[in-house]
């Protein structure tokens, strides 16, 4: 089976970042804590981000150095998936509002660079 294009995985990260941003925009931390649906949606997108970056790095090793906090993102994905009992709402909220925008910018720049190289 042919490996998927790294751009597909990066696009998935971008879409997940956009979804998280849309979900949390206009919300407060207290609203986030009260809404199971919102928490679940954000967590699901964080899982997608971690998995897509992990797969992207298997196709193109340079992704590991091109994305800030690459290892932390993968580790956090594992905590969201396997550590539901230790996952803290304030930590997830902090990632959603504090880290996701930067990741989205980095992924957008990587996609632009890859698209330019492919032209």
PDB file of N, CA and C in Angstrom:
ATOM      1  N   UNK A   1       0.841  -1.180   0.000  1.00  0.00           N
ATOM      2  CA  UNK A   1       0.000   0.000   0.000  1.00  0.00           C
ATOM      3  C   UNK A   1       0.887   1.245   0.000  1.00  0.00           C
ATOM      4  N   UNK A   2       0.551   2.204  -0.831  1.00  0.00           N
ATOM      5  CA  UNK A   2       1.312   3.436  -0.947  1.00  0.00           C
ATOM      6  C   UNK A   2       1.048   4.349   0.250  1.00  0.00           C
ATOM      7  N   UNK A   3       2.089   4.908   0.858  1.00  0.00           N
ATOM      8  CA  UNK A   3       1.852   5.814   1.989  1.00  0.00           C
ATOM      9  C   UNK A   3       1.106   7.065   1.532  1.00  0.00           C
ATOM     10  N   UNK A   4       0.297   7.585   2.419  1.00  0.00           N
ATOM     11  CA  UNK A   4      -0.455   8.795   2.102  1.00  0.00           C
ATOM     12  C   UNK A   4       0.480   9.994   2.032  1.00  0.00           C
ATOM     13  N   UNK A   5       0.088  10.956   1.283  1.00  0.00           N
ATOM     14  CA  UNK A   5       0.825  12.202   1.152  1.00  0.00           C
ATOM     15  C   UNK A   5       0.807  12.927   2.496  1.00  0.00           C
ATOM     16  N   UNK A   6       1.939  13.416   2.914  1.00  0.00           N
ATOM     17  CA  UNK A   6       2.051  14.112   4.197  1.00  0.00           C
ATOM     18  C   UNK A   6       1.108  15.313   4.257  1.00  0.00           C
ATOM     19  N   UNK A   7       0.817  15.899   3.099  1.00  0.00           N
ATOM     20  CA  UNK A   7      -0.082  17.051   3.077  1.00  0.00           C
ATOM     21  C   UNK A   7      -1.483  16.697   3.569  1.00  0.00           C
ATOM     22  N   UNK A   8      -1.931  15.480   3.310  1.00  0.00           N
ATOM     23  CA  UNK A   8      -3.247  15.035   3.783  1.00  0.00           C
ATOM     24  C   UNK A   8      -3.290  15.061   5.311  1.00  0.00           C
ATOM     25  N   UNK A   9      -2.255  14.527   5.938  1.00  0.00           N
ATOM     26  CA  UNK A   9      -2.211  14.517   7.405  1.00  0.00           C
ATOM     27  C   UNK A   9      -2.139  15.934   7.964  1.00  0.00           C
ATOM     28  N   UNK A  10      -1.332  16.785   7.337  1.00  0.00           N
ATOM     29  CA  UNK A  10      -1.230  18.172   7.803  1.00  0.00           C
ATOM     30  C   UNK A  10      -2.548  18.912   7.600  1.00  0.00           C
ATOM     31  N   UNK A  11      -3.230  18.627   6.509  1.00  0.00           N
ATOM     32  CA  UNK A  11      -4.548  19.222   6.294  1.00  0.00           C
ATOM     33  C   UNK A  11      -5.516  18.781   7.395  1.00  0.00           C
ATOM     34  N   UNK A  12      -5.452  17.512   7.782  1.00  0.00           N
ATOM     35  CA  UNK A  12      -6.303  17.019   8.870  1.00  0.00           C
ATOM     36  C   UNK A  12      -6.013  17.759  10.172  1.00  0.00           C
ATOM     37  N   UNK A  13      -4.738  18.045  10.425  1.00  0.00           N
ATOM     38  CA  UNK A  13      -4.365  18.816  11.622  1.00  0.00           C
ATOM     39  C   UNK A  13      -4.961  20.214  11.539  1.00  0.00           C
ATOM     40  N   UNK A  14      -4.833  20.829  10.390  1.00  0.00           N
ATOM     41  CA  UNK A  14      -5.373  22.183  10.204  1.00  0.00           C
ATOM     42  C   UNK A  14      -6.888  22.206  10.434  1.00  0.00           C
ATOM     43  N   UNK A  15      -7.588  21.250   9.875  1.00  0.00           N
ATOM     44  CA  UNK A  15      -9.045  21.174  10.045  1.00  0.00           C
ATOM     45  C   UNK A  15      -9.402  20.988  11.524  1.00  0.00           C
ATOM     46  N   UNK A  16      -8.670  20.126  12.217  1.00  0.00           N
ATOM     47  CA  UNK A  16      -8.920  19.896  13.646  1.00  0.00           C
ATOM     48  C   UNK A  16      -8.638  21.162  14.457  1.00  0.00           C
ATOM     49  N   UNK A  17      -7.567  21.869  14.127  1.00  0.00           N
ATOM     50  CA  UNK A  17      -7.267  23.137  14.809  1.00  0.00           C
ATOM     51  C   UNK A  17      -8.392  24.148  14.584  1.00  0.00           C
ATOM     52  N   UNK A  18      -8.862  24.238  13.353  1.00  0.00           N
ATOM     53  CA  UNK A  18      -9.950  25.156  13.046  1.00  0.00           C
ATOM     54  C   UNK A  18     -11.221  24.784  13.816  1.00  0.00           C
ATOM     55  N   UNK A  19     -11.480  23.486  13.907  1.00  0.00           N
ATOM     56  CA  UNK A  19     -12.666  23.035  14.647  1.00  0.00           C
ATOM     57  C   UNK A  19     -12.565  23.410  16.116  1.00  0.00           C
ATOM     58  N   UNK A  20     -11.413  23.152  16.723  1.00  0.00           N
ATOM     59  CA  UNK A  20     -11.225  23.500  18.138  1.00  0.00           C
ATOM     60  C   UNK A  20     -11.424  25.002  18.341  1.00  0.00           C
ATOM     61  N   UNK A  21     -10.838  25.798  17.477  1.00  0.00           N
ATOM     62  CA  UNK A  21     -10.969  27.248  17.592  1.00  0.00           C
ATOM     63  C   UNK A  21     -12.432  27.662  17.494  1.00  0.00           C
ATOM     64  N   UNK A  22     -13.153  27.076  16.564  1.00  0.00           N
ATOM     65  CA  UNK A  22     -14.577  27.386  16.424  1.00  0.00           C
ATOM     66  C   UNK A  22     -15.361  26.963  17.667  1.00  0.00           C
ATOM     67  N   UNK A  23     -15.012  25.820  18.221  1.00  0.00           N
ATOM     68  CA  UNK A  23     -15.721  25.316  19.403  1.00  0.00           C
ATOM     69  C   UNK A  23     -15.530  26.224  20.614  1.00  0.00           C
ATOM     70  N   UNK A  24     -14.315  26.729  20.824  1.00  0.00           N
ATOM     71  CA  UNK A  24     -14.025  27.468  22.059  1.00  0.00           C
ATOM     72  C   UNK A  24     -14.231  28.976  21.937  1.00  0.00           C
ATOM     73  N   UNK A  25     -14.340  29.471  20.712  1.00  0.00           N
ATOM     74  CA  UNK A  25     -14.542  30.906  20.522  1.00  0.00           C
ATOM     75  C   UNK A  25     -15.857  31.331  21.183  1.00  0.00           C
ATOM     76  N   UNK A  26     -15.760  32.345  22.017  1.00  0.00           N
ATOM     77  CA  UNK A  26     -16.936  32.858  22.712  1.00  0.00           C
ATOM     78  C   UNK A  26     -17.301  32.090  23.976  1.00  0.00           C
ATOM     79  N   UNK A  27     -16.550  31.047  24.276  1.00  0.00           N
ATOM     80  CA  UNK A  27     -16.809  30.246  25.476  1.00  0.00           C
ATOM     81  C   UNK A  27     -15.847  30.670  26.587  1.00  0.00           C
ATOM     82  N   UNK A  28     -16.265  30.500  27.798  1.00  0.00           N
ATOM     83  CA  UNK A  28     -15.377  30.691  28.944  1.00  0.00           C
ATOM     84  C   UNK A  28     -14.957  29.318  29.454  1.00  0.00           C
ATOM     85  N   UNK A  29     -13.959  29.310  30.295  1.00  0.00           N
ATOM     86  CA  UNK A  29     -13.530  28.040  30.887  1.00  0.00           C
ATOM     87  C   UNK A  29     -14.665  27.398  31.673  1.00  0.00           C
ATOM     88  N   UNK A  30     -15.420  28.188  32.388  1.00  0.00           N
ATOM     89  CA  UNK A  30     -16.544  27.637  33.166  1.00  0.00           C
ATOM     90  C   UNK A  30     -17.588  27.004  32.255  1.00  0.00           C
ATOM     91  N   UNK A  31     -17.863  27.638  31.134  1.00  0.00           N
ATOM     92  CA  UNK A  31     -18.808  27.049  30.177  1.00  0.00           C
ATOM     93  C   UNK A  31     -18.245  25.741  29.618  1.00  0.00           C
ATOM     94  N   UNK A  32     -16.949  25.769  29.333  1.00  0.00           N
ATOM     95  CA  UNK A  32     -16.290  24.552  28.844  1.00  0.00           C
ATOM     96  C   UNK A  32     -16.448  23.416  29.868  1.00  0.00           C
ATOM     97  N   UNK A  33     -16.195  23.708  31.115  1.00  0.00           N
ATOM     98  CA  UNK A  33     -16.297  22.681  32.170  1.00  0.00           C
ATOM     99  C   UNK A  33     -17.706  22.127  32.303  1.00  0.00           C
ATOM    100  N   UNK A  34     -18.709  22.962  32.092  1.00  0.00           N
ATOM    101  CA  UNK A  34     -20.104  22.537  32.257  1.00  0.00           C
ATOM    102  C   UNK A  34     -20.641  21.730  31.075  1.00  0.00           C
ATOM    103  N   UNK A  35     -20.027  21.860  29.921  1.00  0.00           N
ATOM    104  CA  UNK A  35     -20.594  21.270  28.709  1.00  0.00           C
ATOM    105  C   UNK A  35     -19.845  20.007  28.269  1.00  0.00           C
ATOM    106  N   UNK A  36     -20.414  18.873  28.564  1.00  0.00           N
ATOM    107  CA  UNK A  36     -19.811  17.598  28.174  1.00  0.00           C
ATOM    108  C   UNK A  36     -19.607  17.516  26.663  1.00  0.00           C
ATOM    109  N   UNK A  37     -20.575  17.969  25.907  1.00  0.00           N
ATOM    110  CA  UNK A  37     -20.470  17.918  24.454  1.00  0.00           C
ATOM    111  C   UNK A  37     -19.278  18.737  23.957  1.00  0.00           C
ATOM    112  N   UNK A  38     -19.093  19.922  24.503  1.00  0.00           N
ATOM    113  CA  UNK A  38     -17.970  20.775  24.111  1.00  0.00           C
ATOM    114  C   UNK A  38     -16.643  20.130  24.491  1.00  0.00           C
ATOM    115  N   UNK A  39     -16.547  19.645  25.720  1.00  0.00           N
ATOM    116  CA  UNK A  39     -15.311  18.978  26.153  1.00  0.00           C
ATOM    117  C   UNK A  39     -14.998  17.780  25.256  1.00  0.00           C
ATOM    118  N   UNK A  40     -16.014  17.002  24.979  1.00  0.00           N
ATOM    119  CA  UNK A  40     -15.825  15.813  24.135  1.00  0.00           C
ATOM    120  C   UNK A  40     -15.370  16.194  22.732  1.00  0.00           C
ATOM    121  N   UNK A  41     -15.951  17.244  22.185  1.00  0.00           N
ATOM    122  CA  UNK A  41     -15.590  17.686  20.839  1.00  0.00           C
ATOM    123  C   UNK A  41     -14.139  18.154  20.777  1.00  0.00           C
ATOM    124  N   UNK A  42     -13.733  18.942  21.745  1.00  0.00           N
ATOM    125  CA  UNK A  42     -12.351  19.436  21.784  1.00  0.00           C
ATOM    126  C   UNK A  42     -11.385  18.266  21.946  1.00  0.00           C
ATOM    127  N   UNK A  43     -11.679  17.378  22.871  1.00  0.00           N
ATOM    128  CA  UNK A  43     -10.805  16.221  23.094  1.00  0.00           C
ATOM    129  C   UNK A  43     -10.682  15.368  21.840  1.00  0.00           C
ATOM    130  N   UNK A  44     -11.787  15.169  21.134  1.00  0.00           N
ATOM    131  CA  UNK A  44     -11.752  14.359  19.907  1.00  0.00           C
ATOM    132  C   UNK A  44     -10.840  14.983  18.863  1.00  0.00           C
ATOM    133  N   UNK A  45     -10.897  16.286  18.719  1.00  0.00           N
ATOM    134  CA  UNK A  45     -10.050  16.968  17.743  1.00  0.00           C
ATOM    135  C   UNK A  45      -8.580  16.933  18.163  1.00  0.00           C
ATOM    136  N   UNK A  46      -8.317  16.984  19.463  1.00  0.00           N
ATOM    137  CA  UNK A  46      -6.933  16.857  19.940  1.00  0.00           C
ATOM    138  C   UNK A  46      -6.379  15.470  19.633  1.00  0.00           C
ATOM    139  N   UNK A  47      -7.212  14.462  19.729  1.00  0.00           N
ATOM    140  CA  UNK A  47      -6.800  13.104  19.361  1.00  0.00           C
ATOM    141  C   UNK A  47      -6.442  13.066  17.882  1.00  0.00           C
ATOM    142  N   UNK A  48      -7.287  13.663  17.059  1.00  0.00           N
ATOM    143  CA  UNK A  48      -7.023  13.702  15.614  1.00  0.00           C
ATOM    144  C   UNK A  48      -5.705  14.402  15.322  1.00  0.00           C
ATOM    145  N   UNK A  49      -5.454  15.512  15.980  1.00  0.00           N
ATOM    146  CA  UNK A  49      -4.208  16.259  15.778  1.00  0.00           C
ATOM    147  C   UNK A  49      -3.002  15.374  16.091  1.00  0.00           C
ATOM    148  N   UNK A  50      -3.018  14.741  17.258  1.00  0.00           N
ATOM    149  CA  UNK A  50      -1.884  13.905  17.652  1.00  0.00           C
ATOM    150  C   UNK A  50      -1.677  12.732  16.715  1.00  0.00           C
ATOM    151  N   UNK A  51      -2.745  12.091  16.326  1.00  0.00           N
ATOM    152  CA  UNK A  51      -2.640  10.933  15.432  1.00  0.00           C
ATOM    153  C   UNK A  51      -2.166  11.349  14.042  1.00  0.00           C
ATOM    154  N   UNK A  52      -2.720  12.429  13.522  1.00  0.00           N
ATOM    155  CA  UNK A  52      -2.329  12.890  12.187  1.00  0.00           C
ATOM    156  C   UNK A  52      -0.861  13.326  12.153  1.00  0.00           C
ATOM    157  N   UNK A  53      -0.401  14.010  13.202  1.00  0.00           N
ATOM    158  CA  UNK A  53       1.013  14.401  13.242  1.00  0.00           C
ATOM    159  C   UNK A  53       1.918  13.181  13.346  1.00  0.00           C
ATOM    160  N   UNK A  54       1.515  12.214  14.124  1.00  0.00           N
ATOM    161  CA  UNK A  54       2.294  10.987  14.250  1.00  0.00           C
ATOM    162  C   UNK A  54       2.413  10.288  12.895  1.00  0.00           C
ATOM    163  N   UNK A  55       1.314  10.184  12.188  1.00  0.00           N
ATOM    164  CA  UNK A  55       1.335   9.550  10.862  1.00  0.00           C
ATOM    165  C   UNK A  55       2.125  10.376   9.860  1.00  0.00           C
ATOM    166  N   UNK A  56       2.005  11.700   9.943  1.00  0.00           N
ATOM    167  CA  UNK A  56       2.758  12.568   9.037  1.00  0.00           C
ATOM    168  C   UNK A  56       4.262  12.362   9.217  1.00  0.00           C
ATOM    169  N   UNK A  57       4.688  12.235  10.457  1.00  0.00           N
ATOM    170  CA  UNK A  57       6.115  12.050  10.740  1.00  0.00           C
ATOM    171  C   UNK A  57       6.626  10.699  10.234  1.00  0.00           C
ATOM    172  N   UNK A  58       5.741   9.723  10.142  1.00  0.00           N
ATOM    173  CA  UNK A  58       6.145   8.427   9.590  1.00  0.00           C
ATOM    174  C   UNK A  58       6.379   8.520   8.087  1.00  0.00           C
ATOM    175  N   UNK A  59       5.697   9.449   7.438  1.00  0.00           N
ATOM    176  CA  UNK A  59       5.872   9.669   6.004  1.00  0.00           C
ATOM    177  C   UNK A  59       7.049  10.604   5.756  1.00  0.00           C
ATOM    178  N   UNK A  60       7.193  11.627   6.602  1.00  0.00           N
ATOM    179  CA  UNK A  60       8.244  12.643   6.448  1.00  0.00           C
ATOM    180  C   UNK A  60       8.801  12.995   7.825  1.00  0.00           C
ATOM    181  N   UNK A  61       9.958  12.437   8.143  1.00  0.00           N
ATOM    182  CA  UNK A  61      10.593  12.604   9.458  1.00  0.00           C
ATOM    183  C   UNK A  61      10.821  14.072   9.829  1.00  0.00           C
ATOM    184  N   UNK A  62      10.965  14.942   8.825  1.00  0.00           N
ATOM    185  CA  UNK A  62      11.254  16.348   9.110  1.00  0.00           C
ATOM    186  C   UNK A  62      10.094  17.049   9.827  1.00  0.00           C
ATOM    187  N   UNK A  63       8.923  16.448   9.806  1.00  0.00           N
ATOM    188  CA  UNK A  63       7.773  17.022  10.521  1.00  0.00           C
ATOM    189  C   UNK A  63       8.086  17.138  12.011  1.00  0.00           C
ATOM    190  N   UNK A  64       8.840  16.179  12.537  1.00  0.00           N
ATOM    191  CA  UNK A  64       9.162  16.182  13.970  1.00  0.00           C
ATOM    192  C   UNK A  64       9.885  17.448  14.400  1.00  0.00           C
ATOM    193  N   UNK A  65      10.721  17.991  13.530  1.00  0.00           N
ATOM    194  CA  UNK A  65      11.446  19.214  13.885  1.00  0.00           C
ATOM    195  C   UNK A  65      10.739  20.467  13.381  1.00  0.00           C
ATOM    196  N   UNK A  66       9.845  20.313  12.428  1.00  0.00           N
ATOM    197  CA  UNK A  66       9.151  21.465  11.857  1.00  0.00           C
ATOM    198  C   UNK A  66       7.985  21.937  12.721  1.00  0.00           C
ATOM    199  N   UNK A  67       7.492  21.066  13.589  1.00  0.00           N
ATOM    200  CA  UNK A  67       6.354  21.400  14.444  1.00  0.00           C
ATOM    201  C   UNK A  67       6.841  21.562  15.885  1.00  0.00           C
ATOM    202  N   UNK A  68       6.640  22.748  16.435  1.00  0.00           N
ATOM    203  CA  UNK A  68       7.021  22.985  17.836  1.00  0.00           C
ATOM    204  C   UNK A  68       6.281  22.011  18.736  1.00  0.00           C
ATOM    205  N   UNK A  69       6.949  21.537  19.726  1.00  0.00           N
ATOM    206  CA  UNK A  69       6.327  20.653  20.716  1.00  0.00           C
ATOM    207  C   UNK A  69       5.777  19.354  20.117  1.00  0.00           C
ATOM    208  N   UNK A  70       6.384  18.893  19.025  1.00  0.00           N
ATOM    209  CA  UNK A  70       5.884  17.686  18.353  1.00  0.00           C
ATOM    210  C   UNK A  70       5.714  16.532  19.341  1.00  0.00           C
ATOM    211  N   UNK A  71       6.739  16.227  20.102  1.00  0.00           N
ATOM    212  CA  UNK A  71       6.668  15.096  21.046  1.00  0.00           C
ATOM    213  C   UNK A  71       5.596  15.327  22.108  1.00  0.00           C
ATOM    214  N   UNK A  72       5.482  16.547  22.587  1.00  0.00           N
ATOM    215  CA  UNK A  72       4.461  16.859  23.592  1.00  0.00           C
ATOM    216  C   UNK A  72       3.052  16.675  23.040  1.00  0.00           C
ATOM    217  N   UNK A  73       2.868  17.018  21.784  1.00  0.00           N
ATOM    218  CA  UNK A  73       1.553  16.860  21.163  1.00  0.00           C
ATOM    219  C   UNK A  73       1.186  15.387  21.078  1.00  0.00           C
ATOM    220  N   UNK A  74       2.128  14.562  20.667  1.00  0.00           N
ATOM    221  CA  UNK A  74       1.878  13.120  20.578  1.00  0.00           C
ATOM    222  C   UNK A  74       1.614  12.552  21.975  1.00  0.00           C
ATOM    223  N   UNK A  75       2.404  12.966  22.934  1.00  0.00           N
ATOM    224  CA  UNK A  75       2.209  12.495  24.313  1.00  0.00           C
ATOM    225  C   UNK A  75       0.853  12.920  24.861  1.00  0.00           C
ATOM    226  N   UNK A  76       0.454  14.144  24.565  1.00  0.00           N
ATOM    227  CA  UNK A  76      -0.839  14.626  25.044  1.00  0.00           C
ATOM    228  C   UNK A  76      -1.981  13.841  24.411  1.00  0.00           C
ATOM    229  N   UNK A  77      -1.846  13.512  23.141  1.00  0.00           N
ATOM    230  CA  UNK A  77      -2.845  12.673  22.473  1.00  0.00           C
ATOM    231  C   UNK A  77      -3.002  11.363  23.223  1.00  0.00           C
ATOM    232  N   UNK A  78      -1.890  10.769  23.622  1.00  0.00           N
ATOM    233  CA  UNK A  78      -1.931   9.500  24.351  1.00  0.00           C
ATOM    234  C   UNK A  78      -2.620   9.651  25.705  1.00  0.00           C
ATOM    235  N   UNK A  79      -2.405  10.767  26.357  1.00  0.00           N
ATOM    236  CA  UNK A  79      -3.071  11.010  27.634  1.00  0.00           C
ATOM    237  C   UNK A  79      -4.577  11.158  27.425  1.00  0.00           C
ATOM    238  N   UNK A  80      -4.970  11.904  26.387  1.00  0.00           N
ATOM    239  CA  UNK A  80      -6.396  12.085  26.118  1.00  0.00           C
ATOM    240  C   UNK A  80      -7.052  10.732  25.841  1.00  0.00           C
ATOM    241  N   UNK A  81      -6.373   9.890  25.087  1.00  0.00           N
ATOM    242  CA  UNK A  81      -6.941   8.582  24.730  1.00  0.00           C
ATOM    243  C   UNK A  81      -6.928   7.614  25.906  1.00  0.00           C
ATOM    244  N   UNK A  82      -5.799   7.510  26.577  1.00  0.00           N
ATOM    245  CA  UNK A  82      -5.623   6.454  27.579  1.00  0.00           C
ATOM    246  C   UNK A  82      -5.706   6.924  29.028  1.00  0.00           C
ATOM    247  N   UNK A  83      -5.619   8.224  29.238  1.00  0.00           N
ATOM    248  CA  UNK A  83      -5.583   8.724  30.613  1.00  0.00           C
ATOM    249  C   UNK A  83      -6.797   9.544  30.978  1.00  0.00           C
ATOM    250  N   UNK A  84      -7.957   9.089  30.541  1.00  0.00           N
ATOM    251  CA  UNK A  84      -9.185   9.852  30.791  1.00  0.00           C
ATOM    252  C   UNK A  84      -9.360  10.193  32.277  1.00  0.00           C
ATOM    253  N   UNK A  85      -8.863   9.327  33.142  1.00  0.00           N
ATOM    254  CA  UNK A  85      -9.062   9.528  34.577  1.00  0.00           C
ATOM    255  C   UNK A  85      -8.095  10.548  35.181  1.00  0.00           C
ATOM    256  N   UNK A  86      -7.064  10.932  34.433  1.00  0.00           N
ATOM    257  CA  UNK A  86      -6.126  11.935  34.943  1.00  0.00           C
ATOM    258  C   UNK A  86      -6.183  13.228  34.138  1.00  0.00           C
ATOM    259  N   UNK A  87      -6.975  13.231  33.071  1.00  0.00           N
ATOM    260  CA  UNK A  87      -7.088  14.402  32.208  1.00  0.00           C
ATOM    261  C   UNK A  87      -7.802  15.525  32.958  1.00  0.00           C
ATOM    262  N   UNK A  88      -7.202  16.692  32.961  1.00  0.00           N
ATOM    263  CA  UNK A  88      -7.762  17.833  33.679  1.00  0.00           C
ATOM    264  C   UNK A  88      -8.345  18.845  32.688  1.00  0.00           C
ATOM    265  N   UNK A  89      -9.536  19.306  33.002  1.00  0.00           N
ATOM    266  CA  UNK A  89     -10.211  20.255  32.116  1.00  0.00           C
ATOM    267  C   UNK A  89      -9.386  21.511  31.876  1.00  0.00           C
ATOM    268  N   UNK A  90      -8.731  22.015  32.919  1.00  0.00           N
ATOM    269  CA  UNK A  90      -7.956  23.244  32.741  1.00  0.00           C
ATOM    270  C   UNK A  90      -6.759  23.031  31.822  1.00  0.00           C
ATOM    271  N   UNK A  91      -6.200  21.833  31.831  1.00  0.00           N
ATOM    272  CA  UNK A  91      -5.085  21.528  30.932  1.00  0.00           C
ATOM    273  C   UNK A  91      -5.564  21.500  29.482  1.00  0.00           C
ATOM    274  N   UNK A  92      -6.675  20.819  29.239  1.00  0.00           N
ATOM    275  CA  UNK A  92      -7.223  20.734  27.879  1.00  0.00           C
ATOM    276  C   UNK A  92      -7.605  22.125  27.391  1.00  0.00           C
ATOM    277  N   UNK A  93      -8.259  22.897  28.235  1.00  0.00           N
ATOM    278  CA  UNK A  93      -8.649  24.257  27.879  1.00  0.00           C
ATOM    279  C   UNK A  93      -7.413  25.085  27.526  1.00  0.00           C
ATOM    280  N   UNK A  94      -6.381  24.976  28.340  1.00  0.00           N
ATOM    281  CA  UNK A  94      -5.144  25.717  28.079  1.00  0.00           C
ATOM    282  C   UNK A  94      -4.531  25.363  26.735  1.00  0.00           C
ATOM    283  N   UNK A  95      -4.554  24.098  26.380  1.00  0.00           N
ATOM    284  CA  UNK A  95      -4.050  23.666  25.079  1.00  0.00           C
ATOM    285  C   UNK A  95      -4.938  24.235  23.970  1.00  0.00           C
ATOM    286  N   UNK A  96      -6.234  24.135  24.151  1.00  0.00           N
ATOM    287  CA  UNK A  96      -7.175  24.577  23.118  1.00  0.00           C
ATOM    288  C   UNK A  96      -7.038  26.064  22.807  1.00  0.00           C
ATOM    289  N   UNK A  97      -6.911  26.881  23.834  1.00  0.00           N
ATOM    290  CA  UNK A  97      -6.854  28.323  23.603  1.00  0.00           C
ATOM    291  C   UNK A  97      -5.433  28.861  23.498  1.00  0.00           C
ATOM    292  N   UNK A  98      -4.467  28.152  24.069  1.00  0.00           N
ATOM    293  CA  UNK A  98      -3.105  28.667  24.099  1.00  0.00           C
ATOM    294  C   UNK A  98      -2.125  28.044  23.127  1.00  0.00           C
ATOM    295  N   UNK A  99      -2.337  26.801  22.754  1.00  0.00           N
ATOM    296  CA  UNK A  99      -1.375  26.097  21.903  1.00  0.00           C
ATOM    297  C   UNK A  99      -1.884  25.848  20.488  1.00  0.00           C
ATOM    298  N   UNK A 100      -3.166  25.604  20.359  1.00  0.00           N
ATOM    299  CA  UNK A 100      -3.735  25.250  19.051  1.00  0.00           C
ATOM    300  C   UNK A 100      -3.537  26.360  18.007  1.00  0.00           C
ATOM    301  N   UNK A 101      -3.726  27.646  18.347  1.00  0.00           N
ATOM    302  CA  UNK A 101      -3.518  28.678  17.317  1.00  0.00           C
ATOM    303  C   UNK A 101      -2.099  28.676  16.733  1.00  0.00           C
ATOM    304  N   UNK A 102      -1.099  28.489  17.571  1.00  0.00           N
ATOM    305  CA  UNK A 102       0.287  28.443  17.086  1.00  0.00           C
ATOM    306  C   UNK A 102       0.507  27.213  16.200  1.00  0.00           C
ATOM    307  N   UNK A 103      -0.009  26.083  16.625  1.00  0.00           N
ATOM    308  CA  UNK A 103       0.114  24.870  15.820  1.00  0.00           C
ATOM    309  C   UNK A 103      -0.531  25.072  14.460  1.00  0.00           C
ATOM    310  N   UNK A 104      -1.684  25.691  14.444  1.00  0.00           N
ATOM    311  CA  UNK A 104      -2.378  25.933  13.178  1.00  0.00           C
ATOM    312  C   UNK A 104      -1.523  26.781  12.242  1.00  0.00           C
ATOM    313  N   UNK A 105      -0.876  27.812  12.783  1.00  0.00           N
ATOM    314  CA  UNK A 105       0.006  28.664  11.976  1.00  0.00           C
ATOM    315  C   UNK A 105       1.181  27.865  11.418  1.00  0.00           C
ATOM    316  N   UNK A 106       1.770  27.040  12.249  1.00  0.00           N
ATOM    317  CA  UNK A 106       2.910  26.231  11.793  1.00  0.00           C
ATOM    318  C   UNK A 106       2.498  25.258  10.693  1.00  0.00           C
ATOM    319  N   UNK A 107       1.366  24.636  10.866  1.00  0.00           N
ATOM    320  CA  UNK A 107       0.888  23.673   9.869  1.00  0.00           C
ATOM    321  C   UNK A 107       0.524  24.388   8.566  1.00  0.00           C
ATOM    322  N   UNK A 108      -0.090  25.543   8.677  1.00  0.00           N
ATOM    323  CA  UNK A 108      -0.416  26.335   7.484  1.00  0.00           C
ATOM    324  C   UNK A 108       0.861  26.681   6.716  1.00  0.00           C
ATOM    325  N   UNK A 109       1.901  27.081   7.426  1.00  0.00           N
ATOM    326  CA  UNK A 109       3.182  27.412   6.781  1.00  0.00           C
ATOM    327  C   UNK A 109       3.805  26.176   6.133  1.00  0.00           C
ATOM    328  N   UNK A 110       3.734  25.030   6.815  1.00  0.00           N
ATOM    329  CA  UNK A 110       4.257  23.789   6.234  1.00  0.00           C
ATOM    330  C   UNK A 110       3.507  23.413   4.964  1.00  0.00           C
ATOM    331  N   UNK A 111       2.192  23.516   5.001  1.00  0.00           N
ATOM    332  CA  UNK A 111       1.396  23.210   3.817  1.00  0.00           C
ATOM    333  C   UNK A 111       1.752  24.134   2.658  1.00  0.00           C
ATOM    334  N   UNK A 112       1.908  25.407   2.929  1.00  0.00           N
ATOM    335  CA  UNK A 112       2.286  26.364   1.872  1.00  0.00           C
ATOM    336  C   UNK A 112       3.640  26.006   1.291  1.00  0.00           C
ATOM    337  N   UNK A 113       4.571  25.644   2.140  1.00  0.00           N
ATOM    338  CA  UNK A 113       5.913  25.256   1.691  1.00  0.00           C
ATOM    339  C   UNK A 113       5.871  23.995   0.836  1.00  0.00           C
ATOM    340  N   UNK A 114       5.097  23.017   1.265  1.00  0.00           N
ATOM    341  CA  UNK A 114       4.966  21.767   0.511  1.00  0.00           C
ATOM    342  C   UNK A 114       4.260  22.001  -0.820  1.00  0.00           C
ATOM    343  N   UNK A 115       3.244  22.856  -0.814  1.00  0.00           N
ATOM    344  CA  UNK A 115       2.527  23.152  -2.050  1.00  0.00           C
ATOM    345  C   UNK A 115       3.437  23.883  -3.039  1.00  0.00           C
ATOM    346  N   UNK A 116       4.252  24.812  -2.524  1.00  0.00           N
ATOM    347  CA  UNK A 116       5.182  25.552  -3.387  1.00  0.00           C
ATOM    348  C   UNK A 116       6.227  24.600  -3.981  1.00  0.00           C
ATOM    349  N   UNK A 117       6.696  23.658  -3.188  1.00  0.00           N
ATOM    350  CA  UNK A 117       7.696  22.698  -3.666  1.00  0.00           C
ATOM    351  C   UNK A 117       7.116  21.758  -4.713  1.00  0.00           C
ATOM    352  N   UNK A 118       5.816  21.480  -4.599  1.00  0.00           N
ATOM    353  CA  UNK A 118       5.159  20.562  -5.531  1.00  0.00           C
ATOM    354  C   UNK A 118       4.847  21.245  -6.866  1.00  0.00           C
ATOM    355  N   UNK A 119       4.850  22.589  -6.875  1.00  0.00           N
ATOM    356  CA  UNK A 119       4.506  23.330  -8.107  1.00  0.00           C
ATOM    357  C   UNK A 119       5.651  23.381  -9.075  1.00  0.00           C
TER     358      UNK A 119
END
